[in-house]
Amino acid sequence: MASTFSGLTAIASVAAAALYALGAALQLRSLRQDRLLAVPTLTLITLPALLLHLAAVYLQVDTPSGLYLGFFTAASLITALMVLLLMLATLRMPVQNLLLVVLPIATLAVLASLFGETGFEAREELAPALVVHILFSVVAYSILFMAACQSLLLAYQEHALKTRTSIRALRLLPPLESMETLLFTLLWTGIAVLTGAILTGFVFLDDMFAQHVVHHTVLALASWVLYAVLLAGRHFFGWRSRTATYWTLIAFSLLVLGYFGSKFVLEIILNG
């Protein structure tokens, strides 16, 4: 059974990566031709890739030994959720350009989860509070990762407008105000879910020092504070694109360092 799962996982992962890469390549070609790839065409490629990606993640997470969320598998899960949320968001918001950034990341993540191994041990039983905490955390990382990508596009757009370069590419992006609105929508949603992740984490953690997650907790709280300051600055002082980009990237870097940095040290360096 395990070998069957391994073979199915490999097929699903490689097929998903190939379709993701194809979607990104077609988007890039369309941009070079001064147009956007039609959403139905992009969906026709990305949706099967997403379904294959989710199937691969499921086979990797749900193991005979229990729930497995190692470094590479967790990254693959988060990128799969990013693609899913973006696919849903394209129905109502101008987020198609974000897929040009997210699809290559998803390609690398799904392949890395197939070939990368760490010292993480699967857990047979999970407390309900931990399950809720994991769900909140994965969704929060996915949304705030999208916000970080959006902030980079916003910074590029503002730079291009000021220097009057890449005018052709700018014509394919929504207006600057719409890009800012989308960024702060993602940030408000992300910090709300991150708040839930932190609160459920405190419910689950009886002794965070004994459970080796103190660094993760402290950095997650520091990231939450930076996001909160940014949103307060936007509300009270009208902070805009460049300031928002800096704060968003710094806050997300702390979040990544807190979770993936800790997992990298514990699973790869110490158990390598």
C-alpha atoms as a PDB file:
ATOM      1  CA  MET A   1       0.000   0.000   0.000  1.00  0.00           C
ATOM      2  CA  ALA A   2       2.810   2.392   0.887  1.00  0.00           C
ATOM      3  CA  SER A   3       4.530   1.799  -2.450  1.00  0.00           C
ATOM      4  CA  THR A   4       1.219   2.418  -4.249  1.00  0.00           C
ATOM      5  CA  PHE A   5       0.802   5.706  -2.415  1.00  0.00           C
ATOM      6  CA  SER A   6       4.388   6.623  -3.278  1.00  0.00           C
ATOM      7  CA  GLY A   7       3.778   5.951  -6.968  1.00  0.00           C
ATOM      8  CA  LEU A   8       0.490   7.871  -6.998  1.00  0.00           C
ATOM      9  CA  THR A   9       2.128  10.752  -5.145  1.00  0.00           C
ATOM     10  CA  ALA A  10       4.949  10.930  -7.682  1.00  0.00           C
ATOM     11  CA  ILE A  11       2.563  10.900 -10.647  1.00  0.00           C
ATOM     12  CA  ALA A  12       0.281  13.552  -9.130  1.00  0.00           C
ATOM     13  CA  SER A  13       3.207  15.777  -8.059  1.00  0.00           C
ATOM     14  CA  VAL A  14       5.033  15.698 -11.397  1.00  0.00           C
ATOM     15  CA  ALA A  15       1.815  16.234 -13.372  1.00  0.00           C
ATOM     16  CA  ALA A  16       0.812  19.153 -11.132  1.00  0.00           C
ATOM     17  CA  ALA A  17       4.261  20.742 -11.473  1.00  0.00           C
ATOM     18  CA  ALA A  18       4.165  20.378 -15.259  1.00  0.00           C
ATOM     19  CA  LEU A  19       0.740  22.028 -15.510  1.00  0.00           C
ATOM     20  CA  TYR A  20       1.727  24.816 -13.114  1.00  0.00           C
ATOM     21  CA  ALA A  21       4.832  25.498 -15.198  1.00  0.00           C
ATOM     22  CA  LEU A  22       2.744  25.503 -18.379  1.00  0.00           C
ATOM     23  CA  GLY A  23       0.293  27.999 -16.857  1.00  0.00           C
ATOM     24  CA  ALA A  24       3.113  30.298 -15.767  1.00  0.00           C
ATOM     25  CA  ALA A  25       4.794  30.065 -19.181  1.00  0.00           C
ATOM     26  CA  LEU A  26       1.570  30.913 -21.024  1.00  0.00           C
ATOM     27  CA  GLN A  27       0.979  33.865 -18.709  1.00  0.00           C
ATOM     28  CA  LEU A  28       4.488  35.148 -19.301  1.00  0.00           C
ATOM     29  CA  ARG A  29       4.101  34.778 -23.076  1.00  0.00           C
ATOM     30  CA  SER A  30       0.821  36.682 -22.968  1.00  0.00           C
ATOM     31  CA  LEU A  31       2.432  39.521 -21.017  1.00  0.00           C
ATOM     32  CA  ARG A  32       5.196  39.754 -23.594  1.00  0.00           C
ATOM     33  CA  GLN A  33       2.483  40.056 -26.236  1.00  0.00           C
ATOM     34  CA  ASP A  34       0.920  42.962 -24.338  1.00  0.00           C
ATOM     35  CA  ARG A  35      -2.169  41.073 -23.202  1.00  0.00           C
ATOM     36  CA  LEU A  36      -3.512  39.047 -20.314  1.00  0.00           C
ATOM     37  CA  LEU A  37      -4.090  35.322 -20.580  1.00  0.00           C
ATOM     38  CA  ALA A  38      -7.836  34.698 -20.616  1.00  0.00           C
ATOM     39  CA  VAL A  39      -9.133  33.550 -17.225  1.00  0.00           C
ATOM     40  CA  PRO A  40     -10.986  30.514 -18.714  1.00  0.00           C
ATOM     41  CA  THR A  41      -7.757  29.361 -20.410  1.00  0.00           C
ATOM     42  CA  LEU A  42      -5.751  29.858 -17.227  1.00  0.00           C
ATOM     43  CA  THR A  43      -8.416  28.023 -15.223  1.00  0.00           C
ATOM     44  CA  LEU A  44      -8.418  25.129 -17.689  1.00  0.00           C
ATOM     45  CA  ILE A  45      -4.721  24.607 -16.937  1.00  0.00           C
ATOM     46  CA  THR A  46      -4.516  25.591 -13.285  1.00  0.00           C
ATOM     47  CA  LEU A  47      -7.570  23.758 -11.954  1.00  0.00           C
ATOM     48  CA  PRO A  48      -6.370  20.240 -12.944  1.00  0.00           C
ATOM     49  CA  ALA A  49      -2.922  21.154 -11.591  1.00  0.00           C
ATOM     50  CA  LEU A  50      -4.472  22.236  -8.294  1.00  0.00           C
ATOM     51  CA  LEU A  51      -6.534  19.042  -7.987  1.00  0.00           C
ATOM     52  CA  LEU A  52      -3.441  16.927  -8.628  1.00  0.00           C
ATOM     53  CA  HIS A  53      -1.472  19.042  -6.145  1.00  0.00           C
ATOM     54  CA  LEU A  54      -4.134  18.595  -3.458  1.00  0.00           C
ATOM     55  CA  ALA A  55      -4.213  14.847  -4.122  1.00  0.00           C
ATOM     56  CA  ALA A  56      -0.428  14.650  -3.745  1.00  0.00           C
ATOM     57  CA  VAL A  57      -0.537  16.645  -0.508  1.00  0.00           C
ATOM     58  CA  TYR A  58      -3.268  14.399   0.874  1.00  0.00           C
ATOM     59  CA  LEU A  59      -1.237  11.269   0.118  1.00  0.00           C
ATOM     60  CA  GLN A  60       1.806  12.822   1.783  1.00  0.00           C
ATOM     61  CA  VAL A  61       0.023  14.138   4.871  1.00  0.00           C
ATOM     62  CA  ASP A  62      -2.250  11.162   5.585  1.00  0.00           C
ATOM     63  CA  THR A  63       0.236   8.330   6.184  1.00  0.00           C
ATOM     64  CA  PRO A  64      -0.170   4.914   7.849  1.00  0.00           C
ATOM     65  CA  SER A  65       1.915   6.286  10.749  1.00  0.00           C
ATOM     66  CA  GLY A  66      -0.332   9.311  11.241  1.00  0.00           C
ATOM     67  CA  LEU A  67      -0.391  12.944  10.166  1.00  0.00           C
ATOM     68  CA  TYR A  68       2.833  14.030   8.466  1.00  0.00           C
ATOM     69  CA  LEU A  69       3.591  17.746   8.130  1.00  0.00           C
ATOM     70  CA  GLY A  70       7.303  17.953   7.523  1.00  0.00           C
ATOM     71  CA  PHE A  71       9.100  21.039   6.214  1.00  0.00           C
ATOM     72  CA  PHE A  72       8.559  20.403   2.500  1.00  0.00           C
ATOM     73  CA  THR A  73       5.082  18.912   2.871  1.00  0.00           C
ATOM     74  CA  ALA A  74       3.912  21.923   4.895  1.00  0.00           C
ATOM     75  CA  ALA A  75       5.291  24.271   2.231  1.00  0.00           C
ATOM     76  CA  SER A  76       3.491  22.291  -0.474  1.00  0.00           C
ATOM     77  CA  LEU A  77       0.229  22.402   1.472  1.00  0.00           C
ATOM     78  CA  ILE A  78       0.459  26.169   1.939  1.00  0.00           C
ATOM     79  CA  THR A  79       1.186  26.829  -1.746  1.00  0.00           C
ATOM     80  CA  ALA A  80      -1.682  24.535  -2.781  1.00  0.00           C
ATOM     81  CA  LEU A  81      -4.023  26.536  -0.572  1.00  0.00           C
ATOM     82  CA  MET A  82      -2.641  29.766  -2.060  1.00  0.00           C
ATOM     83  CA  VAL A  83      -3.494  28.591  -5.563  1.00  0.00           C
ATOM     84  CA  LEU A  84      -6.955  27.497  -4.404  1.00  0.00           C
ATOM     85  CA  LEU A  85      -7.693  30.856  -2.777  1.00  0.00           C
ATOM     86  CA  LEU A  86      -6.428  32.740  -5.823  1.00  0.00           C
ATOM     87  CA  MET A  87      -8.549  30.632  -8.160  1.00  0.00           C
ATOM     88  CA  LEU A  88     -11.606  31.488  -6.070  1.00  0.00           C
ATOM     89  CA  ALA A  89     -10.593  35.145  -5.828  1.00  0.00           C
ATOM     90  CA  THR A  90     -10.311  35.515  -9.619  1.00  0.00           C
ATOM     91  CA  LEU A  91     -14.098  35.214  -9.736  1.00  0.00           C
ATOM     92  CA  ARG A  92     -14.498  38.585  -7.989  1.00  0.00           C
ATOM     93  CA  MET A  93     -11.129  40.366  -7.741  1.00  0.00           C
ATOM     94  CA  PRO A  94      -8.298  41.332 -10.148  1.00  0.00           C
ATOM     95  CA  VAL A  95      -5.759  38.837  -8.781  1.00  0.00           C
ATOM     96  CA  GLN A  96      -4.858  37.052 -11.995  1.00  0.00           C
ATOM     97  CA  ASN A  97      -1.415  38.682 -12.067  1.00  0.00           C
ATOM     98  CA  LEU A  98      -0.578  37.128  -8.704  1.00  0.00           C
ATOM     99  CA  LEU A  99      -0.698  33.689 -10.301  1.00  0.00           C
ATOM    100  CA  LEU A 100       2.345  34.654 -12.367  1.00  0.00           C
ATOM    101  CA  VAL A 101       4.269  34.803  -9.069  1.00  0.00           C
ATOM    102  CA  VAL A 102       2.478  31.990  -7.233  1.00  0.00           C
ATOM    103  CA  LEU A 103       2.502  29.287  -9.930  1.00  0.00           C
ATOM    104  CA  PRO A 104       6.331  29.016 -10.141  1.00  0.00           C
ATOM    105  CA  ILE A 105       6.470  28.878  -6.332  1.00  0.00           C
ATOM    106  CA  ALA A 106       3.856  26.122  -6.317  1.00  0.00           C
ATOM    107  CA  THR A 107       5.839  24.234  -8.967  1.00  0.00           C
ATOM    108  CA  LEU A 108       8.964  24.246  -6.812  1.00  0.00           C
ATOM    109  CA  ALA A 109       7.042  23.411  -3.637  1.00  0.00           C
ATOM    110  CA  VAL A 110       5.228  20.379  -5.031  1.00  0.00           C
ATOM    111  CA  LEU A 111       8.461  18.966  -6.474  1.00  0.00           C
ATOM    112  CA  ALA A 112      10.419  19.669  -3.284  1.00  0.00           C
ATOM    113  CA  SER A 113       7.799  17.841  -1.210  1.00  0.00           C
ATOM    114  CA  LEU A 114       8.232  14.817  -3.475  1.00  0.00           C
ATOM    115  CA  PHE A 115      12.022  14.621  -3.212  1.00  0.00           C
ATOM    116  CA  GLY A 116      12.772  16.365   0.094  1.00  0.00           C
ATOM    117  CA  GLU A 117      12.946  14.328   3.300  1.00  0.00           C
ATOM    118  CA  THR A 118      13.304  15.602   6.861  1.00  0.00           C
ATOM    119  CA  GLY A 119      13.473  14.242  10.385  1.00  0.00           C
ATOM    120  CA  PHE A 120       9.839  15.053  11.104  1.00  0.00           C
ATOM    121  CA  GLU A 121       7.896  12.194  12.708  1.00  0.00           C
ATOM    122  CA  ALA A 122       4.230  11.604  11.889  1.00  0.00           C
ATOM    123  CA  ARG A 123       1.748  11.935  14.756  1.00  0.00           C
ATOM    124  CA  GLU A 124      -0.882   9.279  15.290  1.00  0.00           C
ATOM    125  CA  GLU A 125      -3.344  11.326  17.335  1.00  0.00           C
ATOM    126  CA  LEU A 126      -3.937  15.067  17.364  1.00  0.00           C
ATOM    127  CA  ALA A 127      -5.864  17.033  19.948  1.00  0.00           C
ATOM    128  CA  PRO A 128      -8.879  18.882  18.479  1.00  0.00           C
ATOM    129  CA  ALA A 129      -7.361  22.222  19.503  1.00  0.00           C
ATOM    130  CA  LEU A 130      -4.170  21.363  17.600  1.00  0.00           C
ATOM    131  CA  VAL A 131      -6.145  20.479  14.468  1.00  0.00           C
ATOM    132  CA  VAL A 132      -7.931  23.837  14.629  1.00  0.00           C
ATOM    133  CA  HIS A 133      -4.605  25.580  15.245  1.00  0.00           C
ATOM    134  CA  ILE A 134      -3.047  23.901  12.199  1.00  0.00           C
ATOM    135  CA  LEU A 135      -5.986  24.886   9.985  1.00  0.00           C
ATOM    136  CA  PHE A 136      -5.848  28.516  11.134  1.00  0.00           C
ATOM    137  CA  SER A 137      -2.064  28.595  10.681  1.00  0.00           C
ATOM    138  CA  VAL A 138      -2.067  27.152   7.157  1.00  0.00           C
ATOM    139  CA  VAL A 139      -4.792  29.534   5.983  1.00  0.00           C
ATOM    140  CA  ALA A 140      -3.055  32.520   7.636  1.00  0.00           C
ATOM    141  CA  TYR A 141       0.289  31.702   6.003  1.00  0.00           C
ATOM    142  CA  SER A 142      -1.392  31.292   2.619  1.00  0.00           C
ATOM    143  CA  ILE A 143      -3.225  34.627   2.758  1.00  0.00           C
ATOM    144  CA  LEU A 144      -0.259  36.562   4.133  1.00  0.00           C
ATOM    145  CA  PHE A 145       2.023  34.953   1.539  1.00  0.00           C
ATOM    146  CA  MET A 146      -0.353  36.277  -1.132  1.00  0.00           C
ATOM    147  CA  ALA A 147      -0.211  39.699   0.544  1.00  0.00           C
ATOM    148  CA  ALA A 148       3.592  39.614   0.373  1.00  0.00           C
ATOM    149  CA  CYS A 149       3.470  38.771  -3.344  1.00  0.00           C
ATOM    150  CA  GLN A 150       0.914  41.524  -3.899  1.00  0.00           C
ATOM    151  CA  SER A 151       3.138  44.030  -2.092  1.00  0.00           C
ATOM    152  CA  LEU A 152       5.998  43.187  -4.470  1.00  0.00           C
ATOM    153  CA  LEU A 153       3.761  43.777  -7.495  1.00  0.00           C
ATOM    154  CA  LEU A 154       2.626  47.047  -5.938  1.00  0.00           C
ATOM    155  CA  ALA A 155       6.216  48.156  -5.352  1.00  0.00           C
ATOM    156  CA  TYR A 156       7.079  47.294  -8.956  1.00  0.00           C
ATOM    157  CA  GLN A 157       4.068  49.227 -10.222  1.00  0.00           C
ATOM    158  CA  GLU A 158       4.886  52.323  -8.165  1.00  0.00           C
ATOM    159  CA  HIS A 159       8.543  52.257  -9.255  1.00  0.00           C
ATOM    160  CA  ALA A 160       7.560  51.891 -12.906  1.00  0.00           C
ATOM    161  CA  LEU A 161       5.134  54.811 -12.656  1.00  0.00           C
ATOM    162  CA  LYS A 162       7.727  57.081 -11.060  1.00  0.00           C
ATOM    163  CA  THR A 163      10.508  56.192 -13.497  1.00  0.00           C
ATOM    164  CA  ARG A 164       8.170  55.903 -16.490  1.00  0.00           C
ATOM    165  CA  THR A 165       9.539  52.491 -17.399  1.00  0.00           C
ATOM    166  CA  SER A 166       7.774  49.242 -18.357  1.00  0.00           C
ATOM    167  CA  ILE A 167       4.754  51.200 -19.566  1.00  0.00           C
ATOM    168  CA  ARG A 168       3.552  48.213 -21.599  1.00  0.00           C
ATOM    169  CA  ALA A 169       3.477  45.989 -18.512  1.00  0.00           C
ATOM    170  CA  LEU A 170       1.738  48.678 -16.457  1.00  0.00           C
ATOM    171  CA  ARG A 171      -1.185  48.708 -18.882  1.00  0.00           C
ATOM    172  CA  LEU A 172      -1.931  45.122 -17.878  1.00  0.00           C
ATOM    173  CA  LEU A 173      -2.073  45.868 -14.141  1.00  0.00           C
ATOM    174  CA  PRO A 174      -5.112  47.294 -12.324  1.00  0.00           C
ATOM    175  CA  PRO A 175      -4.897  50.953 -11.213  1.00  0.00           C
ATOM    176  CA  LEU A 176      -2.533  51.665  -8.308  1.00  0.00           C
ATOM    177  CA  GLU A 177      -5.442  52.425  -5.979  1.00  0.00           C
ATOM    178  CA  SER A 178      -7.060  49.065  -6.764  1.00  0.00           C
ATOM    179  CA  MET A 179      -3.758  47.288  -6.144  1.00  0.00           C
ATOM    180  CA  GLU A 180      -3.455  48.992  -2.751  1.00  0.00           C
ATOM    181  CA  THR A 181      -7.028  48.124  -1.847  1.00  0.00           C
ATOM    182  CA  LEU A 182      -6.416  44.483  -2.707  1.00  0.00           C
ATOM    183  CA  LEU A 183      -3.234  44.430  -0.606  1.00  0.00           C
ATOM    184  CA  PHE A 184      -4.969  45.764   2.493  1.00  0.00           C
ATOM    185  CA  THR A 185      -7.928  43.446   1.966  1.00  0.00           C
ATOM    186  CA  LEU A 186      -5.500  40.538   2.057  1.00  0.00           C
ATOM    187  CA  LEU A 187      -3.754  41.992   5.118  1.00  0.00           C
ATOM    188  CA  TRP A 188      -6.976  42.485   7.085  1.00  0.00           C
ATOM    189  CA  THR A 189      -8.114  38.969   6.247  1.00  0.00           C
ATOM    190  CA  GLY A 190      -4.697  37.500   6.995  1.00  0.00           C
ATOM    191  CA  ILE A 191      -4.264  39.137  10.395  1.00  0.00           C
ATOM    192  CA  ALA A 192      -7.764  38.035  11.409  1.00  0.00           C
ATOM    193  CA  VAL A 193      -6.921  34.404  10.619  1.00  0.00           C
ATOM    194  CA  LEU A 194      -3.441  34.782  12.179  1.00  0.00           C
ATOM    195  CA  THR A 195      -5.115  35.983  15.374  1.00  0.00           C
ATOM    196  CA  GLY A 196      -7.141  32.774  15.416  1.00  0.00           C
ATOM    197  CA  ALA A 197      -3.958  30.736  14.856  1.00  0.00           C
ATOM    198  CA  ILE A 198      -2.169  32.417  17.758  1.00  0.00           C
ATOM    199  CA  LEU A 199      -5.119  32.079  20.142  1.00  0.00           C
ATOM    200  CA  THR A 200      -5.660  28.396  19.338  1.00  0.00           C
ATOM    201  CA  GLY A 201      -1.902  27.887  19.699  1.00  0.00           C
ATOM    202  CA  PHE A 202      -2.018  29.125  23.281  1.00  0.00           C
ATOM    203  CA  VAL A 203      -4.947  26.777  23.942  1.00  0.00           C
ATOM    204  CA  PHE A 204      -2.938  23.815  22.663  1.00  0.00           C
ATOM    205  CA  LEU A 205       0.436  24.672  24.190  1.00  0.00           C
ATOM    206  CA  ASP A 206       0.618  23.682  27.851  1.00  0.00           C
ATOM    207  CA  ASP A 207       4.341  24.409  28.053  1.00  0.00           C
ATOM    208  CA  MET A 208       5.719  26.130  24.991  1.00  0.00           C
ATOM    209  CA  PHE A 209       9.294  25.974  26.323  1.00  0.00           C
ATOM    210  CA  ALA A 210       9.170  22.194  26.757  1.00  0.00           C
ATOM    211  CA  GLN A 211       7.617  21.775  23.311  1.00  0.00           C
ATOM    212  CA  HIS A 212      10.425  23.690  21.556  1.00  0.00           C
ATOM    213  CA  VAL A 213       8.131  26.256  19.994  1.00  0.00           C
ATOM    214  CA  VAL A 214       9.064  29.359  21.963  1.00  0.00           C
ATOM    215  CA  HIS A 215      10.874  30.936  18.995  1.00  0.00           C
ATOM    216  CA  HIS A 216       7.929  30.235  16.726  1.00  0.00           C
ATOM    217  CA  THR A 217       5.509  31.785  19.237  1.00  0.00           C
ATOM    218  CA  VAL A 218       7.603  34.904  19.867  1.00  0.00           C
ATOM    219  CA  LEU A 219       8.227  35.580  16.173  1.00  0.00           C
ATOM    220  CA  ALA A 220       4.566  34.975  15.286  1.00  0.00           C
ATOM    221  CA  LEU A 221       3.535  37.503  17.933  1.00  0.00           C
ATOM    222  CA  ALA A 222       6.136  39.994  16.660  1.00  0.00           C
ATOM    223  CA  SER A 223       4.811  39.521  13.125  1.00  0.00           C
ATOM    224  CA  TRP A 224       1.233  40.067  14.335  1.00  0.00           C
ATOM    225  CA  VAL A 225       2.289  43.323  16.014  1.00  0.00           C
ATOM    226  CA  LEU A 226       3.924  44.600  12.813  1.00  0.00           C
ATOM    227  CA  TYR A 227       0.843  43.767  10.756  1.00  0.00           C
ATOM    228  CA  ALA A 228      -1.344  45.516  13.351  1.00  0.00           C
ATOM    229  CA  VAL A 229       0.868  48.623  13.322  1.00  0.00           C
ATOM    230  CA  LEU A 230       0.733  48.708   9.511  1.00  0.00           C
ATOM    231  CA  LEU A 231      -3.052  48.490   9.461  1.00  0.00           C
ATOM    232  CA  ALA A 232      -3.311  51.149  12.181  1.00  0.00           C
ATOM    233  CA  GLY A 233      -0.930  53.375  10.217  1.00  0.00           C
ATOM    234  CA  ARG A 234      -3.055  52.908   7.118  1.00  0.00           C
ATOM    235  CA  HIS A 235      -6.213  53.825   9.026  1.00  0.00           C
ATOM    236  CA  PHE A 236      -4.911  56.800  11.010  1.00  0.00           C
ATOM    237  CA  PHE A 237      -2.045  58.151   8.881  1.00  0.00           C
ATOM    238  CA  GLY A 238      -2.891  56.951   5.380  1.00  0.00           C
ATOM    239  CA  TRP A 239       0.238  54.875   4.885  1.00  0.00           C
ATOM    240  CA  ARG A 240       0.463  53.816   1.266  1.00  0.00           C
ATOM    241  CA  SER A 241       2.293  51.575  -1.164  1.00  0.00           C
ATOM    242  CA  ARG A 242       6.028  51.888  -0.358  1.00  0.00           C
ATOM    243  CA  THR A 243       5.536  51.935   3.408  1.00  0.00           C
ATOM    244  CA  ALA A 244       2.994  49.134   3.154  1.00  0.00           C
ATOM    245  CA  THR A 245       5.432  47.029   1.105  1.00  0.00           C
ATOM    246  CA  TYR A 246       8.255  47.398   3.638  1.00  0.00           C
ATOM    247  CA  TRP A 247       6.078  46.555   6.629  1.00  0.00           C
ATOM    248  CA  THR A 248       4.357  43.677   4.850  1.00  0.00           C
ATOM    249  CA  LEU A 249       7.613  42.035   3.789  1.00  0.00           C
ATOM    250  CA  ILE A 250       9.258  42.462   7.200  1.00  0.00           C
ATOM    251  CA  ALA A 251       6.212  41.086   9.031  1.00  0.00           C
ATOM    252  CA  PHE A 252       5.954  38.117   6.669  1.00  0.00           C
ATOM    253  CA  SER A 253       9.690  37.439   6.964  1.00  0.00           C
ATOM    254  CA  LEU A 254       9.289  37.134  10.738  1.00  0.00           C
ATOM    255  CA  LEU A 255       6.365  34.770  10.245  1.00  0.00           C
ATOM    256  CA  VAL A 256       8.351  32.574   7.841  1.00  0.00           C
ATOM    257  CA  LEU A 257      11.408  32.636  10.102  1.00  0.00           C
ATOM    258  CA  GLY A 258       9.286  31.669  13.093  1.00  0.00           C
ATOM    259  CA  TYR A 259       7.687  28.617  11.480  1.00  0.00           C
ATOM    260  CA  PHE A 260       9.816  27.414   8.605  1.00  0.00           C
ATOM    261  CA  GLY A 261      13.051  28.630  10.186  1.00  0.00           C
ATOM    262  CA  SER A 262      12.358  26.561  13.291  1.00  0.00           C
ATOM    263  CA  LYS A 263      11.291  23.529  11.222  1.00  0.00           C
ATOM    264  CA  PHE A 264      14.400  23.841   9.050  1.00  0.00           C
ATOM    265  CA  VAL A 265      16.697  23.796  12.075  1.00  0.00           C
ATOM    266  CA  LEU A 266      14.867  20.988  13.910  1.00  0.00           C
ATOM    267  CA  GLU A 267      14.107  18.723  10.928  1.00  0.00           C
ATOM    268  CA  ILE A 268      16.982  19.292   8.511  1.00  0.00           C
ATOM    269  CA  ILE A 269      19.997  20.672  10.351  1.00  0.00           C
ATOM    270  CA  LEU A 270      19.676  18.856  13.697  1.00  0.00           C
ATOM    271  CA  ASN A 271      18.262  15.673  12.154  1.00  0.00           C
ATOM    272  CA  GLY A 272      20.228  15.890   8.926  1.00  0.00           C
END
